[in-house]
Each structure stands twice: as structure tokens, then as C-alpha cells.
């Protein structure tokens, strides 16, 4: 195939002129290097699992993860969410109760190693999820988050009785599953 040079005539950036390639090779060139969506998702899953911290136990399964992320989204909408290690530690030390969700792919892990002990001493249920990016997305932030604390009371103001009831029922379901998972790990 003929090689033409890019517009800026950079000697190290040749590109193939599509008109000079026969149709079968043109199709092959278009698909070169691109995997199917299924292959990409399995590679992504493997990457997440590989990068998990060794202390990430109890790790939520797919169903529990999905329900936990939904709970986090609702709590973020109601302003009942603390994000980040500093805020979560401060809230737990002040005696606030809730559900602590910790990301399992934190590096260095020293950032979060004290959280499970703190949660156990305070009687706060905690669970790990594989990805800090997914945790941040559920918590309505763009920045990856190490951990979040889902509370039943908003930081300021009050919730309507209907909103509080919805949040409370979902919170209790997830918290019960987390406690059950923690009991099976120990």
C-alpha cells in the first residue's frame, strides 16, 4: 500500500490512504486492534479484580453492589452522604451511624486500612466494592472516591417523611445483607 504523509508532513506519522487498499484489506484495517464489546468488558472486569487490595473483605457481589450503588445515589440526592476518608472518619468518630462503603482498588492501601477497625468499634456496617470510580459515579462526583458513608439524616435540614421512609427501607435491606456477608466472612 502507498503511504502518504500527514498534513503537517511529520516524518514519523504516516497513514494509509484508504483508496489504495483493496476492500478486504480495508475492512481488516478498520477492525484491526478493536475487540468486541464482550471481550472489552471481560478485560475490564479482570483488571478490576486484579487490582483489588488484599484486605478488601467482605467484598460485595454483583447484586449487592448494584443495590448499594442505588442506595448511594438516593442518599447523594437527599444530601445524606459523606464522601472521602477524612469526612467519613470524622463522622464515625462523632458517633454518626450509617453504612460505610469502601473502594477495594485503593493504592496505597494504607489510606483505608484503619477504616474497617474504626467501623467495627463504632458498630457501623461496612462493605468493599471493587472500583473507586464506580463508587464516585454512584455518589454523583467525577473524582474517584475512597469511601462513602450513607446516613439516614441529612447534613442540614430535614427529609420529608416519604423520602425518609424510602431511604430507610432500602438502607435497612442493604445493611442487613452487608451484616450477613460480614458474618459469613468471619
N, C-alpha and C. Protein backbone atom coordinates (compact mmCIF):
# COMPACT_ATOMS: atom_id res chain seq x y z
N UNK A 1 0.82 -1.20 0.00
CA UNK A 1 0.00 0.00 0.00
C UNK A 1 0.86 1.25 0.00
N UNK A 2 0.30 2.25 -0.62
CA UNK A 2 1.01 3.53 -0.67
C UNK A 2 0.88 4.22 0.67
N UNK A 3 1.92 4.92 1.02
CA UNK A 3 1.91 5.66 2.27
C UNK A 3 1.99 7.13 1.93
N UNK A 4 1.04 7.93 2.42
CA UNK A 4 1.17 9.36 2.27
C UNK A 4 1.43 9.95 3.64
N UNK A 5 1.90 11.14 3.63
CA UNK A 5 2.25 11.78 4.88
C UNK A 5 1.13 12.68 5.34
N UNK A 6 1.06 12.88 6.63
CA UNK A 6 0.00 13.70 7.21
C UNK A 6 0.16 15.15 6.78
N UNK A 7 -0.87 15.97 7.08
CA UNK A 7 -0.87 17.36 6.63
C UNK A 7 0.33 18.13 7.13
N UNK A 8 0.77 17.85 8.33
CA UNK A 8 1.90 18.59 8.87
C UNK A 8 3.24 18.00 8.43
N UNK A 9 3.19 17.01 7.52
CA UNK A 9 4.39 16.39 6.96
C UNK A 9 5.35 15.90 8.02
N UNK A 10 4.82 15.35 9.07
CA UNK A 10 5.67 14.80 10.12
C UNK A 10 6.20 13.46 9.64
N UNK A 11 7.53 13.24 9.62
CA UNK A 11 8.10 12.03 9.03
C UNK A 11 7.77 10.74 9.79
N UNK A 12 7.36 10.82 11.06
CA UNK A 12 7.12 9.61 11.83
C UNK A 12 5.65 9.25 11.94
N UNK A 13 4.78 9.97 11.24
CA UNK A 13 3.35 9.71 11.34
C UNK A 13 2.73 9.42 9.97
N UNK A 14 3.10 8.33 9.32
CA UNK A 14 2.45 8.02 8.04
C UNK A 14 1.07 7.44 8.29
N UNK A 15 0.18 7.61 7.32
CA UNK A 15 -1.11 6.95 7.39
C UNK A 15 -1.42 6.36 6.02
N UNK A 16 -2.19 5.28 6.03
CA UNK A 16 -2.50 4.60 4.79
C UNK A 16 -3.65 5.30 4.10
N UNK A 17 -3.50 5.50 2.82
CA UNK A 17 -4.57 6.10 2.04
C UNK A 17 -5.60 5.00 1.78
N UNK A 18 -6.84 5.24 2.19
CA UNK A 18 -7.87 4.22 2.11
C UNK A 18 -8.16 3.80 0.68
N UNK A 19 -8.03 4.71 -0.26
CA UNK A 19 -8.37 4.39 -1.65
C UNK A 19 -7.40 3.38 -2.25
N UNK A 20 -6.19 3.28 -1.74
CA UNK A 20 -5.21 2.38 -2.33
C UNK A 20 -5.34 0.95 -1.81
N UNK A 21 -6.10 0.72 -0.75
CA UNK A 21 -6.25 -0.63 -0.20
C UNK A 21 -7.42 -1.35 -0.87
N UNK A 22 -7.25 -2.64 -1.18
CA UNK A 22 -8.39 -3.41 -1.69
C UNK A 22 -9.44 -3.57 -0.59
N UNK A 23 -10.73 -3.72 -0.95
CA UNK A 23 -11.81 -3.77 0.05
C UNK A 23 -11.61 -4.76 1.19
N UNK A 24 -11.15 -6.02 0.96
CA UNK A 24 -10.98 -6.92 2.11
C UNK A 24 -9.94 -6.41 3.09
N UNK A 25 -8.85 -5.86 2.56
CA UNK A 25 -7.81 -5.32 3.45
C UNK A 25 -8.28 -4.06 4.15
N UNK A 26 -9.09 -3.27 3.45
CA UNK A 26 -9.63 -2.05 4.05
C UNK A 26 -10.49 -2.40 5.27
N UNK A 27 -11.34 -3.44 5.14
CA UNK A 27 -12.18 -3.88 6.25
C UNK A 27 -11.33 -4.40 7.41
N UNK A 28 -10.28 -5.15 7.06
CA UNK A 28 -9.37 -5.68 8.07
C UNK A 28 -8.65 -4.54 8.80
N UNK A 29 -8.24 -3.52 8.06
CA UNK A 29 -7.54 -2.38 8.66
C UNK A 29 -8.46 -1.61 9.60
N UNK A 30 -9.74 -1.51 9.24
CA UNK A 30 -10.69 -0.80 10.10
C UNK A 30 -10.88 -1.53 11.43
N UNK A 31 -10.93 -2.87 11.35
CA UNK A 31 -11.19 -3.66 12.55
C UNK A 31 -9.93 -4.02 13.32
N UNK A 32 -8.78 -3.67 12.79
CA UNK A 32 -7.52 -4.06 13.42
C UNK A 32 -7.41 -3.45 14.81
N UNK A 33 -7.16 -4.29 15.78
CA UNK A 33 -6.94 -3.82 17.14
C UNK A 33 -8.20 -3.59 17.93
N UNK A 34 -9.36 -3.63 17.28
CA UNK A 34 -10.59 -3.40 18.03
C UNK A 34 -11.19 -4.74 18.45
N UNK A 35 -11.45 -4.88 19.72
CA UNK A 35 -12.06 -6.09 20.26
C UNK A 35 -13.57 -5.92 20.30
N UNK A 36 -14.26 -7.01 20.47
CA UNK A 36 -15.70 -6.92 20.62
C UNK A 36 -16.01 -6.33 22.00
N UNK A 37 -17.24 -5.89 22.16
CA UNK A 37 -17.64 -5.28 23.44
C UNK A 37 -17.53 -6.29 24.58
N UNK A 38 -17.88 -7.54 24.31
CA UNK A 38 -17.82 -8.57 25.35
C UNK A 38 -16.38 -8.79 25.81
N UNK A 39 -15.44 -8.82 24.85
CA UNK A 39 -14.03 -9.01 25.22
C UNK A 39 -13.52 -7.82 26.03
N UNK A 40 -13.93 -6.62 25.63
CA UNK A 40 -13.50 -5.43 26.36
C UNK A 40 -14.02 -5.44 27.79
N UNK A 41 -15.29 -5.84 27.96
CA UNK A 41 -15.87 -5.84 29.31
C UNK A 41 -15.21 -6.91 30.18
N UNK A 42 -14.89 -8.07 29.61
CA UNK A 42 -14.23 -9.10 30.41
C UNK A 42 -12.81 -8.67 30.79
N UNK A 43 -12.13 -7.98 29.88
CA UNK A 43 -10.80 -7.46 30.21
C UNK A 43 -10.89 -6.43 31.31
N UNK A 44 -11.94 -5.60 31.25
CA UNK A 44 -12.13 -4.57 32.27
C UNK A 44 -12.40 -5.21 33.63
N UNK A 45 -13.24 -6.25 33.65
CA UNK A 45 -13.54 -6.96 34.90
C UNK A 45 -12.29 -7.59 35.49
N UNK A 46 -11.47 -8.21 34.63
CA UNK A 46 -10.23 -8.83 35.11
C UNK A 46 -9.31 -7.78 35.71
N UNK A 47 -9.25 -6.61 35.06
CA UNK A 47 -8.40 -5.53 35.55
C UNK A 47 -8.86 -5.08 36.94
N UNK A 48 -10.18 -4.96 37.13
CA UNK A 48 -10.72 -4.56 38.42
C UNK A 48 -10.39 -5.58 39.50
N UNK A 49 -10.56 -6.86 39.18
CA UNK A 49 -10.32 -7.92 40.15
C UNK A 49 -8.85 -8.00 40.51
N UNK A 50 -7.98 -7.85 39.53
CA UNK A 50 -6.55 -7.94 39.77
C UNK A 50 -6.07 -6.83 40.70
N UNK A 51 -6.63 -5.64 40.56
CA UNK A 51 -6.13 -4.51 41.32
C UNK A 51 -6.74 -4.38 42.72
N UNK A 52 -7.49 -5.36 43.16
CA UNK A 52 -8.11 -5.30 44.48
C UNK A 52 -7.06 -5.42 45.59
N UNK A 53 -7.28 -4.68 46.65
CA UNK A 53 -6.40 -4.75 47.82
C UNK A 53 -6.64 -6.08 48.54
N UNK A 54 -5.60 -6.63 49.16
CA UNK A 54 -5.76 -7.91 49.86
C UNK A 54 -6.68 -7.83 51.08
N UNK A 55 -6.92 -6.64 51.60
CA UNK A 55 -7.78 -6.51 52.78
C UNK A 55 -9.24 -6.29 52.41
N UNK A 56 -9.57 -6.31 51.12
CA UNK A 56 -10.92 -5.99 50.66
C UNK A 56 -11.91 -7.12 50.94
N UNK A 57 -12.20 -7.32 52.20
CA UNK A 57 -13.17 -8.33 52.62
C UNK A 57 -14.01 -7.73 53.73
N UNK A 58 -15.30 -7.81 53.70
CA UNK A 58 -16.18 -8.51 52.78
C UNK A 58 -16.40 -7.71 51.49
N UNK A 59 -16.24 -8.37 50.36
CA UNK A 59 -16.43 -7.77 49.05
C UNK A 59 -17.85 -8.05 48.57
N UNK A 60 -18.54 -7.00 48.16
CA UNK A 60 -19.92 -7.15 47.71
C UNK A 60 -19.98 -7.88 46.37
N UNK A 61 -20.95 -8.78 46.24
CA UNK A 61 -21.19 -9.45 44.97
C UNK A 61 -21.88 -8.49 44.01
N UNK A 62 -22.15 -8.95 42.79
CA UNK A 62 -22.74 -8.06 41.78
C UNK A 62 -24.10 -7.52 42.19
N UNK A 63 -24.97 -8.38 42.73
CA UNK A 63 -26.31 -7.93 43.12
C UNK A 63 -26.23 -6.92 44.26
N UNK A 64 -25.42 -7.24 45.26
CA UNK A 64 -25.28 -6.33 46.40
C UNK A 64 -24.63 -5.02 45.97
N UNK A 65 -23.67 -5.10 45.06
CA UNK A 65 -23.04 -3.88 44.53
C UNK A 65 -24.08 -2.98 43.89
N UNK A 66 -24.92 -3.57 43.05
CA UNK A 66 -25.93 -2.80 42.33
C UNK A 66 -26.88 -2.12 43.31
N UNK A 67 -27.34 -2.87 44.32
CA UNK A 67 -28.25 -2.29 45.31
C UNK A 67 -27.56 -1.23 46.15
N UNK A 68 -26.28 -1.46 46.47
CA UNK A 68 -25.52 -0.49 47.25
C UNK A 68 -25.35 0.81 46.47
N UNK A 69 -25.02 0.69 45.18
CA UNK A 69 -24.85 1.89 44.36
C UNK A 69 -26.16 2.66 44.21
N UNK A 70 -27.28 1.94 44.11
CA UNK A 70 -28.59 2.61 44.05
C UNK A 70 -28.86 3.37 45.34
N UNK A 71 -28.53 2.74 46.46
CA UNK A 71 -28.70 3.39 47.77
C UNK A 71 -27.83 4.64 47.85
N UNK A 72 -26.59 4.54 47.38
CA UNK A 72 -25.68 5.69 47.41
C UNK A 72 -26.22 6.82 46.55
N UNK A 73 -26.78 6.48 45.37
CA UNK A 73 -27.36 7.51 44.50
C UNK A 73 -28.52 8.22 45.19
N UNK A 74 -29.39 7.46 45.84
CA UNK A 74 -30.52 8.08 46.55
C UNK A 74 -30.03 8.95 47.69
N UNK A 75 -29.04 8.45 48.44
CA UNK A 75 -28.51 9.22 49.56
C UNK A 75 -27.83 10.50 49.08
N UNK A 76 -27.15 10.44 47.95
CA UNK A 76 -26.50 11.63 47.40
C UNK A 76 -27.55 12.66 47.00
N UNK A 77 -28.64 12.19 46.44
CA UNK A 77 -29.73 13.10 46.06
C UNK A 77 -30.38 13.75 47.26
N UNK A 78 -30.42 13.06 48.39
CA UNK A 78 -31.05 13.58 49.61
C UNK A 78 -30.05 14.28 50.53
N UNK A 79 -28.80 14.39 50.09
CA UNK A 79 -27.71 15.01 50.88
C UNK A 79 -27.44 14.24 52.18
N UNK A 80 -27.55 12.92 52.13
CA UNK A 80 -27.29 12.06 53.29
C UNK A 80 -26.03 11.25 53.09
N UNK A 81 -25.02 11.83 52.47
CA UNK A 81 -23.82 11.09 52.10
C UNK A 81 -22.57 11.86 52.49
N UNK A 82 -21.62 11.16 53.10
CA UNK A 82 -20.30 11.73 53.39
C UNK A 82 -19.31 11.06 52.46
N UNK A 83 -18.50 11.85 51.77
CA UNK A 83 -17.55 11.32 50.79
C UNK A 83 -16.13 11.55 51.26
N UNK A 84 -15.27 10.57 51.03
CA UNK A 84 -13.85 10.72 51.33
C UNK A 84 -13.49 10.24 52.72
N UNK A 85 -12.23 9.85 52.87
CA UNK A 85 -11.74 9.28 54.12
C UNK A 85 -11.89 10.26 55.27
N UNK A 86 -11.49 11.50 55.05
CA UNK A 86 -11.50 12.49 56.13
C UNK A 86 -12.91 12.73 56.68
N UNK A 87 -13.87 12.93 55.79
CA UNK A 87 -15.25 13.17 56.21
C UNK A 87 -15.85 11.95 56.90
N UNK A 88 -15.59 10.77 56.34
CA UNK A 88 -16.14 9.53 56.90
C UNK A 88 -15.59 9.28 58.30
N UNK A 89 -14.28 9.42 58.46
CA UNK A 89 -13.65 9.20 59.77
C UNK A 89 -14.20 10.20 60.79
N UNK A 90 -14.32 11.45 60.38
CA UNK A 90 -14.83 12.49 61.28
C UNK A 90 -16.26 12.16 61.71
N UNK A 91 -17.09 11.73 60.78
CA UNK A 91 -18.49 11.40 61.09
C UNK A 91 -18.59 10.21 62.03
N UNK A 92 -17.80 9.17 61.77
CA UNK A 92 -17.85 7.97 62.62
C UNK A 92 -17.36 8.29 64.02
N UNK A 93 -16.30 9.08 64.13
CA UNK A 93 -15.78 9.45 65.46
C UNK A 93 -16.77 10.30 66.24
N UNK A 94 -17.59 11.07 65.54
CA UNK A 94 -18.60 11.89 66.21
C UNK A 94 -19.85 11.09 66.57
N UNK A 95 -19.86 9.80 66.22
CA UNK A 95 -20.96 8.94 66.64
C UNK A 95 -22.09 8.82 65.65
N UNK A 96 -21.92 9.33 64.43
CA UNK A 96 -22.98 9.20 63.44
C UNK A 96 -23.00 7.77 62.90
N UNK A 97 -24.19 7.24 62.73
CA UNK A 97 -24.35 5.87 62.25
C UNK A 97 -24.67 5.88 60.76
N UNK A 98 -24.37 4.77 60.12
CA UNK A 98 -24.66 4.65 58.70
C UNK A 98 -24.04 3.39 58.14
N UNK A 99 -23.92 3.36 56.82
CA UNK A 99 -23.31 2.24 56.11
C UNK A 99 -22.06 2.77 55.42
N UNK A 100 -20.92 2.18 55.72
CA UNK A 100 -19.66 2.61 55.13
C UNK A 100 -19.35 1.72 53.93
N UNK A 101 -19.16 2.33 52.77
CA UNK A 101 -18.81 1.61 51.55
C UNK A 101 -17.41 2.04 51.15
N UNK A 102 -16.50 1.07 51.05
CA UNK A 102 -15.08 1.34 50.81
C UNK A 102 -14.68 0.76 49.46
N UNK A 103 -13.90 1.51 48.71
CA UNK A 103 -13.40 1.01 47.42
C UNK A 103 -12.25 0.05 47.66
N UNK A 104 -12.19 -1.02 46.89
CA UNK A 104 -11.17 -2.05 47.08
C UNK A 104 -9.92 -1.85 46.26
N UNK A 105 -9.93 -0.90 45.32
CA UNK A 105 -8.75 -0.73 44.46
C UNK A 105 -7.97 0.54 44.81
N UNK A 106 -7.83 0.81 46.08
CA UNK A 106 -7.10 2.00 46.53
C UNK A 106 -5.62 1.67 46.63
N UNK A 107 -4.82 2.59 46.14
CA UNK A 107 -3.37 2.42 46.24
C UNK A 107 -2.77 3.74 46.68
N UNK A 108 -1.99 3.80 47.70
CA UNK A 108 -1.59 2.75 48.64
C UNK A 108 -2.74 2.41 49.60
N UNK A 109 -2.78 1.16 50.04
CA UNK A 109 -3.90 0.72 50.87
C UNK A 109 -3.84 1.29 52.28
N UNK A 110 -2.70 1.89 52.63
CA UNK A 110 -2.58 2.49 53.96
C UNK A 110 -3.61 3.60 54.17
N UNK A 111 -4.11 4.15 53.08
CA UNK A 111 -5.10 5.23 53.16
C UNK A 111 -6.38 4.74 53.85
N UNK A 112 -6.74 3.47 53.64
CA UNK A 112 -8.02 2.97 54.15
C UNK A 112 -7.91 1.84 55.16
N UNK A 113 -6.70 1.44 55.53
CA UNK A 113 -6.55 0.27 56.41
C UNK A 113 -7.17 0.48 57.80
N UNK A 114 -7.26 1.71 58.26
CA UNK A 114 -7.82 1.96 59.60
C UNK A 114 -9.35 1.99 59.60
N UNK A 115 -9.97 2.13 58.43
CA UNK A 115 -11.43 2.27 58.37
C UNK A 115 -12.21 1.06 58.88
N UNK A 116 -11.87 -0.18 58.48
CA UNK A 116 -12.64 -1.32 58.99
C UNK A 116 -12.62 -1.43 60.52
N UNK A 117 -11.47 -1.18 61.11
CA UNK A 117 -11.35 -1.25 62.58
C UNK A 117 -12.22 -0.18 63.23
N UNK A 118 -12.15 1.02 62.67
CA UNK A 118 -12.95 2.14 63.18
C UNK A 118 -14.44 1.82 63.08
N UNK A 119 -14.85 1.25 61.94
CA UNK A 119 -16.26 0.89 61.74
C UNK A 119 -16.70 -0.19 62.72
N UNK A 120 -15.86 -1.20 62.93
CA UNK A 120 -16.21 -2.28 63.85
C UNK A 120 -16.35 -1.77 65.28
N UNK A 121 -15.44 -0.89 65.70
CA UNK A 121 -15.52 -0.34 67.06
C UNK A 121 -16.77 0.50 67.25
N UNK A 122 -17.19 1.21 66.20
CA UNK A 122 -18.36 2.08 66.30
C UNK A 122 -19.67 1.34 66.00
N UNK A 123 -19.57 0.09 65.57
CA UNK A 123 -20.78 -0.67 65.24
C UNK A 123 -21.40 -0.26 63.92
N UNK A 124 -20.59 0.25 63.01
CA UNK A 124 -21.07 0.68 61.69
C UNK A 124 -20.78 -0.44 60.68
N UNK A 125 -21.80 -0.93 59.97
CA UNK A 125 -21.54 -1.96 58.97
C UNK A 125 -20.74 -1.39 57.80
N UNK A 126 -19.82 -2.19 57.25
CA UNK A 126 -19.01 -1.73 56.12
C UNK A 126 -18.89 -2.84 55.10
N UNK A 127 -18.69 -2.44 53.85
CA UNK A 127 -18.53 -3.39 52.76
C UNK A 127 -17.59 -2.77 51.72
N UNK A 128 -16.88 -3.63 51.02
CA UNK A 128 -15.98 -3.19 49.95
C UNK A 128 -16.65 -3.37 48.60
N UNK A 129 -16.38 -2.45 47.69
CA UNK A 129 -16.76 -2.59 46.28
C UNK A 129 -15.48 -2.52 45.46
N UNK A 130 -15.45 -3.14 44.27
CA UNK A 130 -14.19 -3.23 43.54
C UNK A 130 -13.60 -1.92 43.03
N UNK A 131 -14.42 -0.94 42.69
CA UNK A 131 -13.90 0.22 41.98
C UNK A 131 -14.21 1.55 42.65
N UNK A 132 -13.18 2.38 42.81
CA UNK A 132 -13.38 3.72 43.36
C UNK A 132 -14.07 4.63 42.34
N UNK A 133 -13.89 4.34 41.05
CA UNK A 133 -14.54 5.13 40.01
C UNK A 133 -16.05 4.91 40.03
N UNK A 134 -16.47 3.64 40.16
CA UNK A 134 -17.90 3.33 40.25
C UNK A 134 -18.52 3.92 41.50
N UNK A 135 -17.76 3.91 42.58
CA UNK A 135 -18.23 4.48 43.85
C UNK A 135 -18.46 5.98 43.70
N UNK A 136 -17.55 6.66 43.03
CA UNK A 136 -17.68 8.10 42.81
C UNK A 136 -18.86 8.41 41.90
N UNK A 137 -19.03 7.60 40.87
CA UNK A 137 -20.13 7.81 39.94
C UNK A 137 -21.48 7.66 40.65
N UNK A 138 -21.59 6.67 41.51
CA UNK A 138 -22.82 6.47 42.28
C UNK A 138 -23.04 7.63 43.25
N UNK A 139 -21.96 8.18 43.78
CA UNK A 139 -22.06 9.28 44.73
C UNK A 139 -22.18 10.64 44.08
N UNK A 140 -22.39 10.68 42.76
CA UNK A 140 -22.60 11.91 42.00
C UNK A 140 -21.39 12.84 42.01
N UNK A 141 -20.18 12.28 41.94
CA UNK A 141 -18.98 13.10 41.78
C UNK A 141 -18.14 12.53 40.64
N UNK A 142 -17.33 13.38 40.07
CA UNK A 142 -16.46 12.94 38.98
C UNK A 142 -15.15 12.39 39.52
N UNK A 143 -14.74 12.87 40.67
CA UNK A 143 -13.47 12.48 41.26
C UNK A 143 -13.59 11.12 41.94
N UNK A 144 -12.69 10.18 41.66
CA UNK A 144 -12.74 8.87 42.33
C UNK A 144 -12.72 9.01 43.86
N UNK A 145 -13.53 8.21 44.53
CA UNK A 145 -13.71 8.31 45.97
C UNK A 145 -13.28 7.03 46.67
N UNK A 146 -12.51 7.17 47.77
CA UNK A 146 -12.05 6.01 48.54
C UNK A 146 -13.19 5.35 49.29
N UNK A 147 -14.02 6.15 49.91
CA UNK A 147 -15.10 5.60 50.72
C UNK A 147 -16.23 6.61 50.87
N UNK A 148 -17.41 6.09 51.16
CA UNK A 148 -18.56 6.94 51.45
C UNK A 148 -19.29 6.39 52.67
N UNK A 149 -19.98 7.27 53.36
CA UNK A 149 -20.81 6.87 54.50
C UNK A 149 -22.24 7.28 54.19
N UNK A 150 -23.12 6.30 54.08
CA UNK A 150 -24.54 6.56 53.81
C UNK A 150 -25.22 6.71 55.16
N UNK A 151 -25.82 7.88 55.38
CA UNK A 151 -26.50 8.16 56.65
C UNK A 151 -28.00 8.30 56.40
N UNK A 152 -28.78 8.22 57.46
CA UNK A 152 -30.22 8.37 57.32
C UNK A 152 -30.68 9.80 57.57
N UNK A 153 -29.81 10.62 58.14
CA UNK A 153 -30.16 12.02 58.39
C UNK A 153 -29.29 12.91 57.50
N UNK A 154 -29.88 13.89 56.83
CA UNK A 154 -29.09 14.79 56.00
C UNK A 154 -28.20 15.69 56.85
N UNK A 155 -27.15 16.22 56.25
CA UNK A 155 -26.23 17.09 56.96
C UNK A 155 -26.94 18.35 57.46
N UNK A 156 -27.80 18.91 56.62
CA UNK A 156 -28.55 20.11 57.00
C UNK A 156 -30.02 19.90 56.65
N UNK A 157 -30.90 20.43 57.47
CA UNK A 157 -32.32 20.35 57.18
C UNK A 157 -32.92 19.01 57.54
N UNK A 158 -34.12 18.78 57.03
CA UNK A 158 -34.85 17.55 57.30
C UNK A 158 -35.36 16.95 56.00
N UNK A 159 -35.59 15.65 56.02
CA UNK A 159 -36.19 14.96 54.88
C UNK A 159 -37.69 14.86 55.09
N UNK A 160 -38.43 14.81 53.99
CA UNK A 160 -39.86 14.57 54.12
C UNK A 160 -40.07 13.13 54.60
N UNK A 161 -41.19 12.88 55.21
CA UNK A 161 -41.46 11.55 55.78
C UNK A 161 -41.43 10.47 54.70
N UNK A 162 -41.93 10.80 53.51
CA UNK A 162 -41.97 9.83 52.41
C UNK A 162 -40.55 9.49 51.94
N UNK A 163 -39.73 10.53 51.73
CA UNK A 163 -38.34 10.31 51.30
C UNK A 163 -37.54 9.54 52.34
N UNK A 164 -37.75 9.89 53.61
CA UNK A 164 -37.05 9.22 54.70
C UNK A 164 -37.42 7.73 54.76
N UNK A 165 -38.71 7.45 54.56
CA UNK A 165 -39.17 6.06 54.61
C UNK A 165 -38.57 5.23 53.47
N UNK A 166 -38.53 5.80 52.26
CA UNK A 166 -37.94 5.10 51.10
C UNK A 166 -36.46 4.82 51.34
N UNK A 167 -35.75 5.85 51.80
CA UNK A 167 -34.32 5.71 52.05
C UNK A 167 -34.06 4.69 53.16
N UNK A 168 -34.89 4.75 54.20
CA UNK A 168 -34.71 3.86 55.35
C UNK A 168 -34.92 2.40 54.98
N UNK A 169 -35.96 2.10 54.19
CA UNK A 169 -36.22 0.70 53.82
C UNK A 169 -35.09 0.15 52.96
N UNK A 170 -34.64 0.94 51.99
CA UNK A 170 -33.54 0.48 51.14
C UNK A 170 -32.25 0.34 51.95
N UNK A 171 -32.02 1.30 52.85
CA UNK A 171 -30.83 1.25 53.71
C UNK A 171 -30.83 -0.02 54.56
N UNK A 172 -31.97 -0.33 55.17
CA UNK A 172 -32.06 -1.50 56.04
C UNK A 172 -31.84 -2.81 55.28
N UNK A 173 -32.37 -2.89 54.05
CA UNK A 173 -32.16 -4.09 53.24
C UNK A 173 -30.68 -4.29 52.93
N UNK A 174 -30.03 -3.22 52.48
CA UNK A 174 -28.61 -3.31 52.13
C UNK A 174 -27.77 -3.57 53.38
N UNK A 175 -28.07 -2.89 54.48
CA UNK A 175 -27.31 -3.07 55.72
C UNK A 175 -27.45 -4.50 56.24
N UNK A 176 -28.65 -5.08 56.14
CA UNK A 176 -28.84 -6.47 56.57
C UNK A 176 -28.00 -7.43 55.72
N UNK A 177 -28.00 -7.19 54.41
CA UNK A 177 -27.20 -8.04 53.51
C UNK A 177 -25.71 -7.90 53.81
N UNK A 178 -25.28 -6.68 54.11
CA UNK A 178 -23.87 -6.43 54.43
C UNK A 178 -23.49 -7.14 55.73
N UNK A 179 -24.36 -7.06 56.74
CA UNK A 179 -24.09 -7.74 58.01
C UNK A 179 -24.03 -9.25 57.83
N UNK A 180 -24.92 -9.77 56.99
CA UNK A 180 -24.93 -11.20 56.69
C UNK A 180 -23.64 -11.61 55.98
N UNK A 181 -23.21 -10.78 55.03
CA UNK A 181 -21.97 -11.05 54.30
C UNK A 181 -20.76 -10.99 55.23
N UNK A 182 -20.75 -10.01 56.13
CA UNK A 182 -19.66 -9.88 57.10
C UNK A 182 -19.59 -11.10 58.02
N UNK A 183 -20.75 -11.58 58.44
CA UNK A 183 -20.79 -12.75 59.32
C UNK A 183 -20.27 -14.00 58.61
N UNK A 184 -20.52 -14.11 57.31
CA UNK A 184 -20.05 -15.28 56.57
C UNK A 184 -18.55 -15.23 56.31
N UNK A 185 -17.97 -14.03 56.28
CA UNK A 185 -16.52 -13.88 56.05
C UNK A 185 -15.75 -14.23 57.31
N UNK A 186 -16.28 -13.86 58.46
CA UNK A 186 -15.57 -14.06 59.73
C UNK A 186 -15.64 -15.46 60.21
